[in-house]
Amino acid sequence: MYEKILLIDDEEVLRNVGAEILTSVGYIVETACCGEDGFQLLLERSYDLVVTDIRMPGLSGIELIKMIRDEISSDLPVVVVTGHGSVDTAIETMRHGTQGFILKPFTPDDICSTVKQVITKSRIIRENIKLKALVPLLEVSKRMVAETHVGRLIEMVVEEAAKYTAADRAS
């Protein structure tokens, strides 16, 4: 699967260079020239990662991140790119749930390694969530396979169905 990245930056040269670098290593990259356009794309399409500048005219990167968290997804990975990096800026973006921080001017290795690290971490988290959801089903399956009495098996199925659907009653 090829990850789909939205790159948002008001500087056309950096936006194009970043997109070219990420495309060359196999990512599908779409770009936006401002926070407003980026947010509109996020409403219309699905992305695996957002890479955004902090300082942009209109909607800033920080405001965009807040809107993403409030209106789109609390766990969509976001990487911040800025030419005005400080510890305070990094801390502020992390408070809003960003997973990476890249300083301008960046090298191809800077952007590729950060993006790869964030996407890998996000993929692992998603897989762990899926596995955690399957563990109860595995436990139920093991108990059901061990049960030889049909009546107790049916009771077990009803109990588990009620438990996992939070039903008030089940029969």
Protein backbone atom coordinates (compact mmCIF):
# COMPACT_ATOMS: atom_id res chain seq x y z
CA MET A 1 0.00 0.00 0.00
CA TYR A 2 1.26 3.45 -0.86
CA GLU A 3 0.66 6.05 1.81
CA LYS A 4 -1.10 9.22 0.77
CA ILE A 5 0.38 12.46 2.08
CA LEU A 6 -1.04 15.98 2.04
CA LEU A 7 1.74 18.59 1.96
CA ILE A 8 0.64 22.13 2.87
CA ASP A 9 3.02 25.07 2.45
CA ASP A 10 2.57 28.61 1.18
CA GLU A 11 6.04 28.62 -0.42
CA GLU A 12 5.60 27.09 -3.87
CA VAL A 13 9.25 26.06 -4.27
CA LEU A 14 9.36 24.22 -0.95
CA ARG A 15 5.96 22.66 -1.58
CA ASN A 16 7.08 21.37 -4.99
CA VAL A 17 10.49 20.18 -3.75
CA GLY A 18 8.92 18.39 -0.77
CA ALA A 19 6.35 16.72 -3.01
CA GLU A 20 9.02 15.67 -5.51
CA ILE A 21 11.23 14.18 -2.78
CA LEU A 22 8.37 12.22 -1.19
CA THR A 23 7.01 11.06 -4.55
CA SER A 24 10.47 9.82 -5.56
CA VAL A 25 10.52 7.41 -2.59
CA GLY A 26 7.06 6.01 -3.32
CA TYR A 27 4.53 8.17 -1.49
CA ILE A 28 1.42 9.56 -3.16
CA VAL A 29 1.56 13.31 -2.53
CA GLU A 30 -1.05 15.99 -2.97
CA THR A 31 -0.33 19.62 -2.14
CA ALA A 32 -2.13 22.70 -0.94
CA CYS A 33 -0.85 26.28 -0.93
CA CYS A 34 -2.56 27.38 2.28
CA GLY A 35 -4.22 26.07 5.41
CA GLU A 36 -7.72 26.74 4.11
CA ASP A 37 -7.15 24.75 0.90
CA GLY A 38 -5.46 21.98 2.88
CA PHE A 39 -8.37 21.73 5.29
CA GLN A 40 -10.83 21.57 2.39
CA LEU A 41 -8.88 18.68 0.87
CA LEU A 42 -8.88 16.92 4.25
CA LEU A 43 -12.67 17.22 4.36
CA GLU A 44 -12.99 15.76 0.87
CA ARG A 45 -10.31 13.04 0.84
CA SER A 46 -8.51 10.58 3.06
CA TYR A 47 -4.81 10.90 3.87
CA ASP A 48 -2.34 8.83 5.87
CA LEU A 49 -0.25 11.85 6.88
CA VAL A 50 -0.34 15.65 6.81
CA VAL A 51 2.85 17.67 6.48
CA THR A 52 2.20 21.35 7.13
CA ASP A 53 4.09 24.59 7.46
CA ILE A 54 3.47 26.56 10.66
CA ARG A 55 3.61 30.13 9.40
CA MET A 56 1.22 30.68 6.52
CA PRO A 57 -1.00 33.62 5.63
CA GLY A 58 -4.58 33.12 6.71
CA LEU A 59 -4.98 29.84 8.57
CA SER A 60 -1.71 29.04 10.36
CA GLY A 61 -0.37 25.54 10.76
CA ILE A 62 -1.25 25.51 14.47
CA GLU A 63 -4.82 26.60 13.74
CA LEU A 64 -5.02 23.95 11.01
CA ILE A 65 -3.83 21.24 13.41
CA LYS A 66 -6.47 22.30 15.97
CA MET A 67 -9.16 22.07 13.26
CA ILE A 68 -7.90 18.65 12.15
CA ARG A 69 -8.07 17.40 15.75
CA ASP A 70 -11.50 18.91 16.40
CA GLU A 71 -13.26 18.19 13.11
CA ILE A 72 -11.46 15.42 11.23
CA SER A 73 -9.40 13.02 13.33
CA SER A 74 -7.70 12.95 16.69
CA ASP A 75 -5.15 10.45 15.42
CA LEU A 76 -4.30 11.53 11.86
CA PRO A 77 -0.49 11.87 11.91
CA VAL A 78 0.77 15.42 11.41
CA VAL A 79 4.35 16.54 10.75
CA VAL A 80 5.23 20.22 11.09
CA VAL A 81 7.71 22.00 8.82
CA THR A 82 8.97 25.43 9.82
CA GLY A 83 11.72 27.89 9.17
CA HIS A 84 11.09 29.51 12.53
CA GLY A 85 11.83 26.60 14.80
CA SER A 86 12.15 27.01 18.50
CA VAL A 87 11.66 24.74 21.46
CA ASP A 88 8.48 26.63 22.33
CA THR A 89 7.07 26.13 18.82
CA ALA A 90 7.92 22.43 18.89
CA ILE A 91 6.28 22.02 22.32
CA GLU A 92 3.16 23.91 21.20
CA THR A 93 2.74 21.73 18.12
CA MET A 94 3.31 18.55 20.15
CA ARG A 95 0.58 19.66 22.57
CA HIS A 96 -1.78 19.58 19.59
CA GLY A 97 -0.79 16.06 18.68
CA THR A 98 1.90 16.42 16.04
CA GLN A 99 4.27 13.52 15.62
CA GLY A 100 7.19 15.14 13.81
CA PHE A 101 9.05 18.42 13.44
CA ILE A 102 11.23 19.39 10.43
CA LEU A 103 13.28 22.58 10.20
CA LYS A 104 13.61 24.51 6.94
CA PRO A 105 15.68 24.33 4.89
CA PHE A 106 15.35 20.55 4.98
CA THR A 107 17.37 17.93 3.19
CA PRO A 108 15.78 15.02 1.35
CA ASP A 109 16.95 12.77 4.18
CA ASP A 110 15.35 15.05 6.82
CA ILE A 111 11.90 14.88 5.27
CA CYS A 112 12.09 11.23 4.17
CA SER A 113 13.30 9.89 7.50
CA THR A 114 10.78 11.90 9.52
CA VAL A 115 7.87 10.92 7.28
CA LYS A 116 8.91 7.25 7.27
CA GLN A 117 9.26 7.22 11.07
CA VAL A 118 5.86 8.84 11.64
CA ILE A 119 4.05 6.62 9.12
CA THR A 120 5.67 3.48 10.54
CA LYS A 121 4.67 4.44 14.08
CA SER A 122 1.12 5.22 12.94
CA ARG A 123 0.86 1.88 11.12
CA ILE A 124 2.06 0.00 14.23
CA ILE A 125 -0.48 1.81 16.41
CA ARG A 126 -3.32 0.97 13.99
CA GLU A 127 -2.26 -2.69 13.87
CA ASN A 128 -2.07 -2.86 17.68
CA ILE A 129 -5.59 -1.44 17.95
CA LYS A 130 -6.86 -4.10 15.53
CA LEU A 131 -5.07 -6.85 17.44
CA LYS A 132 -6.45 -5.64 20.77
CA ALA A 133 -9.95 -5.80 19.29
CA LEU A 134 -9.34 -9.41 18.21
CA VAL A 135 -8.05 -10.69 21.57
CA PRO A 136 -11.51 -10.93 23.19
CA LEU A 137 -12.80 -12.79 20.14
CA LEU A 138 -9.93 -15.24 20.39
CA GLU A 139 -10.68 -15.85 24.07
CA VAL A 140 -14.37 -16.42 23.33
CA SER A 141 -13.45 -18.72 20.47
CA LYS A 142 -11.18 -20.81 22.70
CA ARG A 143 -13.92 -21.17 25.33
CA MET A 144 -16.52 -22.06 22.71
CA VAL A 145 -14.34 -24.72 21.12
CA ALA A 146 -13.78 -26.30 24.55
CA GLU A 147 -17.51 -26.39 25.41
CA THR A 148 -19.15 -29.71 24.55
CA HIS A 149 -22.62 -29.12 25.96
CA VAL A 150 -24.87 -27.42 23.38
CA GLY A 151 -27.04 -25.65 25.97
CA ARG A 152 -24.04 -24.09 27.74
CA LEU A 153 -22.55 -23.15 24.36
CA ILE A 154 -25.71 -21.27 23.38
CA GLU A 155 -25.77 -19.50 26.77
CA MET A 156 -22.14 -18.51 26.30
CA VAL A 157 -22.82 -17.10 22.83
CA VAL A 158 -25.77 -15.06 24.13
CA GLU A 159 -23.76 -13.76 27.13
CA GLU A 160 -20.83 -12.71 24.94
CA ALA A 161 -23.09 -11.09 22.36
CA ALA A 162 -24.85 -9.11 25.09
CA LYS A 163 -21.54 -8.12 26.67
CA TYR A 164 -19.88 -6.90 23.44
CA THR A 165 -22.94 -5.08 22.14
CA ALA A 166 -23.74 -3.57 25.56
CA ALA A 167 -27.28 -4.90 25.22
CA ASP A 168 -29.63 -4.62 28.18
CA ARG A 169 -31.14 -8.00 27.37
CA ALA A 170 -30.32 -10.90 25.10
CA SER A 171 -31.81 -14.29 24.37
